[in-house]
Amino acid sequence: MDKALWVFLGGGVGSVLRYALGLLVGQLTPQGAETPHWLAMYPVATLAANLLGCGLIGIAWGLIDPHNEAHHPARLLLIVGVLGGFTTFSSFGWETLDLIQTNRVGTAIAYVLISVLVGLIAAWSGYSGAQAFVPGGN
């Protein structure tokens, strides 16, 4: 199968999963007066997608050997396609800019720090955990 087709198929799946996660987060997040202040400050669905995506990409990278050509289609499908479609860096950028433009600079800084630091921790944790299942893994 053509490499671009693997990415295309995975990207479609990842985008639909991202949309479904947004709906789920919207249903689980209290709306109106009962919304906790800290929760209302952040774009929760984007944060959830990016942090979950970081953990999942760590797991996938830990399980899919990048040096094994037989794993190349799986890497294209899962890492580039599904997780590329699932995570939302462009939304992250736009929502951060919106926070800044609406004079919520402190919230924007916290959002960036949480996204990047917890994302890195999630990716490392996923990778390290996945390596436990790989014979001879680090």
N, C-alpha and C. Protein backbone atom coordinates (compact mmCIF):
# COMPACT_ATOMS: atom_id res chain seq x y z
N MET A 1 0.85 -1.17 0.00
CA MET A 1 0.00 0.00 0.00
C MET A 1 0.90 1.24 0.00
N ASP A 2 0.49 2.25 -0.68
CA ASP A 2 1.25 3.49 -0.76
C ASP A 2 1.38 4.14 0.62
N LYS A 3 2.54 4.70 0.91
CA LYS A 3 2.80 5.31 2.22
C LYS A 3 1.79 6.41 2.54
N ALA A 4 1.46 7.23 1.56
CA ALA A 4 0.52 8.32 1.80
C ALA A 4 -0.87 7.79 2.17
N LEU A 5 -1.24 6.63 1.66
CA LEU A 5 -2.54 6.06 1.99
C LEU A 5 -2.60 5.65 3.46
N TRP A 6 -1.51 5.10 3.99
CA TRP A 6 -1.46 4.77 5.42
C TRP A 6 -1.70 6.03 6.26
N VAL A 7 -1.03 7.12 5.91
CA VAL A 7 -1.18 8.38 6.65
C VAL A 7 -2.60 8.90 6.50
N PHE A 8 -3.15 8.84 5.30
CA PHE A 8 -4.51 9.31 5.02
C PHE A 8 -5.53 8.56 5.87
N LEU A 9 -5.44 7.24 5.87
CA LEU A 9 -6.38 6.42 6.64
C LEU A 9 -6.26 6.70 8.13
N GLY A 10 -5.04 6.73 8.62
CA GLY A 10 -4.83 7.01 10.04
C GLY A 10 -5.29 8.41 10.41
N GLY A 11 -5.02 9.38 9.56
CA GLY A 11 -5.42 10.76 9.84
C GLY A 11 -6.92 10.90 9.94
N GLY A 12 -7.66 10.19 9.09
CA GLY A 12 -9.12 10.22 9.17
C GLY A 12 -9.61 9.66 10.49
N VAL A 13 -9.05 8.53 10.89
CA VAL A 13 -9.43 7.91 12.16
C VAL A 13 -9.08 8.84 13.32
N GLY A 14 -7.88 9.40 13.31
CA GLY A 14 -7.45 10.29 14.38
C GLY A 14 -8.32 11.53 14.49
N SER A 15 -8.72 12.08 13.37
CA SER A 15 -9.57 13.28 13.38
C SER A 15 -10.95 12.98 13.95
N VAL A 16 -11.51 11.83 13.59
CA VAL A 16 -12.81 11.44 14.13
C VAL A 16 -12.70 11.18 15.64
N LEU A 17 -11.61 10.54 16.06
CA LEU A 17 -11.40 10.32 17.50
C LEU A 17 -11.26 11.64 18.24
N ARG A 18 -10.59 12.60 17.64
CA ARG A 18 -10.43 13.92 18.26
C ARG A 18 -11.78 14.61 18.41
N TYR A 19 -12.61 14.52 17.38
CA TYR A 19 -13.95 15.10 17.42
C TYR A 19 -14.77 14.43 18.53
N ALA A 20 -14.70 13.10 18.62
CA ALA A 20 -15.44 12.36 19.65
C ALA A 20 -14.95 12.74 21.04
N LEU A 21 -13.64 12.91 21.20
CA LEU A 21 -13.11 13.33 22.50
C LEU A 21 -13.65 14.71 22.87
N GLY A 22 -13.71 15.62 21.91
CA GLY A 22 -14.26 16.95 22.17
C GLY A 22 -15.70 16.88 22.64
N LEU A 23 -16.50 16.02 22.02
CA LEU A 23 -17.89 15.85 22.44
C LEU A 23 -17.96 15.27 23.85
N LEU A 24 -17.13 14.27 24.12
CA LEU A 24 -17.11 13.64 25.44
C LEU A 24 -16.70 14.63 26.52
N VAL A 25 -15.64 15.38 26.28
CA VAL A 25 -15.18 16.37 27.25
C VAL A 25 -16.27 17.42 27.48
N GLY A 26 -16.95 17.82 26.40
CA GLY A 26 -18.04 18.78 26.54
C GLY A 26 -19.16 18.26 27.41
N GLN A 27 -19.46 16.96 27.32
CA GLN A 27 -20.51 16.36 28.15
C GLN A 27 -20.07 16.20 29.60
N LEU A 28 -18.78 15.94 29.80
CA LEU A 28 -18.28 15.71 31.16
C LEU A 28 -17.93 16.99 31.90
N THR A 29 -17.75 18.08 31.15
CA THR A 29 -17.36 19.35 31.76
C THR A 29 -18.61 20.10 32.18
N PRO A 30 -18.72 20.43 33.47
CA PRO A 30 -19.89 21.18 33.92
C PRO A 30 -19.96 22.54 33.23
N GLN A 31 -21.17 22.95 32.88
CA GLN A 31 -21.37 24.23 32.20
C GLN A 31 -22.14 25.19 33.11
N GLY A 32 -21.94 26.46 32.87
CA GLY A 32 -22.70 27.47 33.59
C GLY A 32 -22.10 27.81 34.94
N ALA A 33 -22.97 28.17 35.87
CA ALA A 33 -22.54 28.67 37.18
C ALA A 33 -21.78 27.62 37.98
N GLU A 34 -22.06 26.33 37.73
CA GLU A 34 -21.41 25.28 38.53
C GLU A 34 -20.01 24.93 38.02
N THR A 35 -19.56 25.55 36.93
CA THR A 35 -18.23 25.28 36.40
C THR A 35 -17.16 25.82 37.34
N PRO A 36 -16.25 24.97 37.83
CA PRO A 36 -15.15 25.48 38.66
C PRO A 36 -14.33 26.50 37.88
N HIS A 37 -13.89 27.54 38.56
CA HIS A 37 -13.15 28.63 37.91
C HIS A 37 -11.93 28.12 37.16
N TRP A 38 -11.16 27.23 37.78
CA TRP A 38 -9.93 26.75 37.13
C TRP A 38 -10.23 25.98 35.86
N LEU A 39 -11.38 25.28 35.82
CA LEU A 39 -11.73 24.48 34.66
C LEU A 39 -12.22 25.36 33.51
N ALA A 40 -12.93 26.42 33.84
CA ALA A 40 -13.47 27.31 32.81
C ALA A 40 -12.37 28.10 32.12
N MET A 41 -11.20 28.22 32.75
CA MET A 41 -10.11 29.03 32.20
C MET A 41 -9.42 28.36 31.01
N TYR A 42 -9.45 27.05 30.91
CA TYR A 42 -8.64 26.33 29.94
C TYR A 42 -9.47 25.71 28.82
N PRO A 43 -8.91 25.62 27.62
CA PRO A 43 -9.52 24.84 26.54
C PRO A 43 -9.30 23.35 26.84
N VAL A 44 -10.20 22.78 27.64
CA VAL A 44 -10.00 21.45 28.22
C VAL A 44 -9.92 20.35 27.15
N ALA A 45 -10.75 20.41 26.12
CA ALA A 45 -10.74 19.35 25.10
C ALA A 45 -9.40 19.31 24.36
N THR A 46 -8.86 20.47 24.02
CA THR A 46 -7.57 20.50 23.33
C THR A 46 -6.46 20.00 24.25
N LEU A 47 -6.50 20.44 25.50
CA LEU A 47 -5.51 19.99 26.48
C LEU A 47 -5.57 18.48 26.63
N ALA A 48 -6.79 17.93 26.75
CA ALA A 48 -6.95 16.48 26.90
C ALA A 48 -6.42 15.74 25.67
N ALA A 49 -6.75 16.23 24.48
CA ALA A 49 -6.29 15.56 23.25
C ALA A 49 -4.77 15.59 23.15
N ASN A 50 -4.18 16.72 23.46
CA ASN A 50 -2.72 16.82 23.34
C ASN A 50 -2.00 15.97 24.38
N LEU A 51 -2.47 15.98 25.62
CA LEU A 51 -1.81 15.19 26.66
C LEU A 51 -2.01 13.70 26.43
N LEU A 52 -3.23 13.31 26.07
CA LEU A 52 -3.49 11.90 25.77
C LEU A 52 -2.68 11.47 24.55
N GLY A 53 -2.63 12.33 23.54
CA GLY A 53 -1.85 12.03 22.34
C GLY A 53 -0.37 11.87 22.63
N CYS A 54 0.16 12.69 23.54
CA CYS A 54 1.57 12.57 23.92
C CYS A 54 1.83 11.22 24.58
N GLY A 55 0.95 10.82 25.48
CA GLY A 55 1.12 9.52 26.11
C GLY A 55 1.02 8.38 25.11
N LEU A 56 0.05 8.47 24.21
CA LEU A 56 -0.13 7.42 23.21
C LEU A 56 1.03 7.36 22.22
N ILE A 57 1.58 8.51 21.85
CA ILE A 57 2.71 8.49 20.92
C ILE A 57 3.94 7.89 21.60
N GLY A 58 4.07 8.12 22.90
CA GLY A 58 5.16 7.49 23.64
C GLY A 58 5.02 5.97 23.64
N ILE A 59 3.80 5.50 23.87
CA ILE A 59 3.55 4.05 23.85
C ILE A 59 3.84 3.49 22.46
N ALA A 60 3.30 4.14 21.43
CA ALA A 60 3.49 3.66 20.06
C ALA A 60 4.97 3.65 19.69
N TRP A 61 5.67 4.71 20.04
CA TRP A 61 7.10 4.79 19.70
C TRP A 61 7.89 3.72 20.45
N GLY A 62 7.44 3.41 21.68
CA GLY A 62 8.12 2.38 22.45
C GLY A 62 7.88 0.97 21.92
N LEU A 63 6.74 0.76 21.26
CA LEU A 63 6.40 -0.57 20.76
C LEU A 63 6.76 -0.79 19.29
N ILE A 64 6.82 0.27 18.52
CA ILE A 64 7.10 0.16 17.08
C ILE A 64 8.58 0.47 16.86
N ASP A 65 9.32 -0.53 16.44
CA ASP A 65 10.76 -0.37 16.22
C ASP A 65 11.00 0.51 14.99
N PRO A 66 11.57 1.71 15.18
CA PRO A 66 11.78 2.60 14.04
C PRO A 66 12.84 2.09 13.06
N HIS A 67 13.63 1.12 13.47
CA HIS A 67 14.68 0.59 12.61
C HIS A 67 14.25 -0.66 11.86
N ASN A 68 13.05 -1.15 12.14
CA ASN A 68 12.54 -2.35 11.49
C ASN A 68 11.61 -1.92 10.35
N GLU A 69 12.03 -2.16 9.11
CA GLU A 69 11.23 -1.74 7.94
C GLU A 69 9.85 -2.36 7.94
N ALA A 70 9.70 -3.55 8.53
CA ALA A 70 8.38 -4.18 8.58
C ALA A 70 7.41 -3.37 9.42
N HIS A 71 7.92 -2.57 10.34
CA HIS A 71 7.07 -1.74 11.20
C HIS A 71 6.73 -0.39 10.56
N HIS A 72 7.33 -0.09 9.42
CA HIS A 72 7.15 1.23 8.80
C HIS A 72 5.67 1.56 8.54
N PRO A 73 4.86 0.65 7.96
CA PRO A 73 3.44 0.99 7.75
C PRO A 73 2.71 1.28 9.06
N ALA A 74 3.01 0.53 10.11
CA ALA A 74 2.36 0.77 11.41
C ALA A 74 2.74 2.14 11.94
N ARG A 75 3.99 2.53 11.76
CA ARG A 75 4.44 3.85 12.22
C ARG A 75 3.70 4.94 11.46
N LEU A 76 3.58 4.79 10.14
CA LEU A 76 2.86 5.78 9.33
C LEU A 76 1.39 5.85 9.72
N LEU A 77 0.77 4.69 9.89
CA LEU A 77 -0.65 4.64 10.23
C LEU A 77 -0.92 5.23 11.61
N LEU A 78 -0.20 4.75 12.62
CA LEU A 78 -0.50 5.12 14.00
C LEU A 78 0.11 6.45 14.44
N ILE A 79 1.40 6.62 14.22
CA ILE A 79 2.08 7.81 14.75
C ILE A 79 1.81 9.02 13.87
N VAL A 80 2.09 8.90 12.59
CA VAL A 80 1.90 10.06 11.70
C VAL A 80 0.42 10.29 11.44
N GLY A 81 -0.34 9.22 11.15
CA GLY A 81 -1.74 9.35 10.77
C GLY A 81 -2.68 9.56 11.95
N VAL A 82 -2.92 8.49 12.72
CA VAL A 82 -3.91 8.56 13.80
C VAL A 82 -3.55 9.64 14.82
N LEU A 83 -2.33 9.59 15.34
CA LEU A 83 -1.98 10.56 16.39
C LEU A 83 -1.76 11.96 15.83
N GLY A 84 -1.33 12.06 14.57
CA GLY A 84 -1.23 13.37 13.94
C GLY A 84 -2.60 14.00 13.76
N GLY A 85 -3.60 13.18 13.41
CA GLY A 85 -4.97 13.68 13.28
C GLY A 85 -5.64 13.93 14.61
N PHE A 86 -5.21 13.20 15.63
CA PHE A 86 -5.84 13.30 16.95
C PHE A 86 -5.36 14.51 17.74
N THR A 87 -4.08 14.77 17.70
CA THR A 87 -3.56 15.90 18.47
C THR A 87 -3.83 17.19 17.72
N THR A 88 -3.75 18.29 18.44
CA THR A 88 -4.30 19.53 17.90
C THR A 88 -3.39 20.71 18.17
N PHE A 89 -2.20 20.68 17.60
CA PHE A 89 -1.26 21.77 17.86
C PHE A 89 -1.76 23.10 17.31
N SER A 90 -2.42 23.08 16.17
CA SER A 90 -2.93 24.34 15.62
C SER A 90 -4.01 24.92 16.52
N SER A 91 -4.87 24.07 17.08
CA SER A 91 -5.88 24.56 18.03
C SER A 91 -5.21 25.10 19.28
N PHE A 92 -4.18 24.42 19.73
CA PHE A 92 -3.41 24.88 20.89
C PHE A 92 -2.86 26.29 20.64
N GLY A 93 -2.28 26.50 19.48
CA GLY A 93 -1.73 27.82 19.15
C GLY A 93 -2.80 28.89 19.11
N TRP A 94 -3.92 28.58 18.46
CA TRP A 94 -5.00 29.56 18.34
C TRP A 94 -5.60 29.88 19.71
N GLU A 95 -5.86 28.86 20.52
CA GLU A 95 -6.47 29.09 21.82
C GLU A 95 -5.53 29.85 22.76
N THR A 96 -4.24 29.60 22.65
CA THR A 96 -3.27 30.36 23.44
C THR A 96 -3.28 31.82 23.02
N LEU A 97 -3.30 32.07 21.73
CA LEU A 97 -3.38 33.45 21.23
C LEU A 97 -4.66 34.12 21.71
N ASP A 98 -5.77 33.40 21.69
CA ASP A 98 -7.04 33.96 22.16
C ASP A 98 -6.97 34.33 23.64
N LEU A 99 -6.34 33.48 24.44
CA LEU A 99 -6.17 33.81 25.86
C LEU A 99 -5.37 35.09 26.03
N ILE A 100 -4.32 35.26 25.25
CA ILE A 100 -3.50 36.46 25.33
C ILE A 100 -4.29 37.68 24.87
N GLN A 101 -5.01 37.56 23.76
CA GLN A 101 -5.76 38.69 23.22
C GLN A 101 -6.92 39.11 24.10
N THR A 102 -7.39 38.21 24.95
CA THR A 102 -8.48 38.55 25.87
C THR A 102 -7.94 38.84 27.27
N ASN A 103 -6.69 39.27 27.30
CA ASN A 103 -6.04 39.72 28.54
C ASN A 103 -5.98 38.66 29.63
N ARG A 104 -5.82 37.41 29.23
CA ARG A 104 -5.63 36.32 30.19
C ARG A 104 -4.24 35.74 29.99
N VAL A 105 -3.25 36.61 30.09
CA VAL A 105 -1.86 36.24 29.82
C VAL A 105 -1.37 35.19 30.81
N GLY A 106 -1.69 35.35 32.08
CA GLY A 106 -1.28 34.37 33.09
C GLY A 106 -1.84 32.99 32.80
N THR A 107 -3.11 32.96 32.40
CA THR A 107 -3.73 31.69 32.03
C THR A 107 -3.06 31.10 30.80
N ALA A 108 -2.71 31.95 29.83
CA ALA A 108 -2.03 31.48 28.62
C ALA A 108 -0.68 30.87 28.96
N ILE A 109 0.06 31.52 29.82
CA ILE A 109 1.37 31.00 30.22
C ILE A 109 1.22 29.66 30.94
N ALA A 110 0.25 29.59 31.86
CA ALA A 110 0.01 28.34 32.58
C ALA A 110 -0.40 27.23 31.61
N TYR A 111 -1.25 27.56 30.66
CA TYR A 111 -1.72 26.58 29.66
C TYR A 111 -0.56 26.04 28.83
N VAL A 112 0.32 26.92 28.40
CA VAL A 112 1.48 26.50 27.62
C VAL A 112 2.39 25.60 28.47
N LEU A 113 2.66 26.02 29.69
CA LEU A 113 3.54 25.23 30.57
C LEU A 113 2.95 23.86 30.88
N ILE A 114 1.65 23.84 31.21
CA ILE A 114 0.99 22.56 31.50
C ILE A 114 1.04 21.66 30.27
N SER A 115 0.69 22.22 29.12
CA SER A 115 0.65 21.42 27.89
C SER A 115 2.01 20.83 27.56
N VAL A 116 3.04 21.66 27.62
CA VAL A 116 4.37 21.20 27.22
C VAL A 116 4.97 20.26 28.27
N LEU A 117 4.97 20.67 29.52
CA LEU A 117 5.62 19.86 30.55
C LEU A 117 4.90 18.55 30.79
N VAL A 118 3.58 18.60 30.96
CA VAL A 118 2.84 17.36 31.19
C VAL A 118 2.84 16.51 29.92
N GLY A 119 2.83 17.15 28.75
CA GLY A 119 2.93 16.40 27.49
C GLY A 119 4.24 15.63 27.39
N LEU A 120 5.34 16.27 27.76
CA LEU A 120 6.64 15.59 27.75
C LEU A 120 6.67 14.44 28.74
N ILE A 121 6.11 14.66 29.92
CA ILE A 121 6.05 13.60 30.94
C ILE A 121 5.19 12.44 30.43
N ALA A 122 4.06 12.76 29.78
CA ALA A 122 3.18 11.71 29.25
C ALA A 122 3.89 10.91 28.15
N ALA A 123 4.59 11.60 27.25
CA ALA A 123 5.31 10.90 26.18
C ALA A 123 6.40 10.01 26.75
N TRP A 124 7.16 10.52 27.72
CA TRP A 124 8.22 9.73 28.34
C TRP A 124 7.64 8.54 29.09
N SER A 125 6.54 8.76 29.84
CA SER A 125 5.92 7.68 30.60
C SER A 125 5.39 6.59 29.67
N GLY A 126 4.73 7.01 28.59
CA GLY A 126 4.22 6.04 27.63
C GLY A 126 5.33 5.22 27.01
N TYR A 127 6.39 5.90 26.60
CA TYR A 127 7.53 5.22 25.98
C TYR A 127 8.19 4.26 26.97
N SER A 128 8.45 4.74 28.18
CA SER A 128 9.11 3.90 29.19
C SER A 128 8.25 2.70 29.55
N GLY A 129 6.96 2.91 29.69
CA GLY A 129 6.06 1.81 30.00
C GLY A 129 6.00 0.79 28.87
N ALA A 130 5.97 1.27 27.64
CA ALA A 130 5.90 0.37 26.49
C ALA A 130 7.18 -0.43 26.36
N GLN A 131 8.31 0.15 26.70
CA GLN A 131 9.59 -0.55 26.59
C GLN A 131 9.64 -1.77 27.50
N ALA A 132 8.84 -1.78 28.56
CA ALA A 132 8.79 -2.94 29.46
C ALA A 132 8.25 -4.17 28.74
N PHE A 133 7.50 -3.96 27.64
CA PHE A 133 6.91 -5.07 26.90
C PHE A 133 7.73 -5.48 25.68
N VAL A 134 8.82 -4.77 25.44
CA VAL A 134 9.66 -5.05 24.27
C VAL A 134 10.88 -5.85 24.73
N PRO A 135 11.08 -7.04 24.16
CA PRO A 135 12.27 -7.81 24.54
C PRO A 135 13.54 -7.00 24.28
N GLY A 136 14.36 -6.88 25.29
CA GLY A 136 15.61 -6.11 25.17
C GLY A 136 15.40 -4.62 25.18
N GLY A 137 14.18 -4.15 25.56
CA GLY A 137 13.90 -2.71 25.59
C GLY A 137 14.70 -2.02 26.66
N ASN A 138 14.80 -0.70 26.52
CA ASN A 138 15.61 0.09 27.47
C ASN A 138 14.94 0.19 28.80
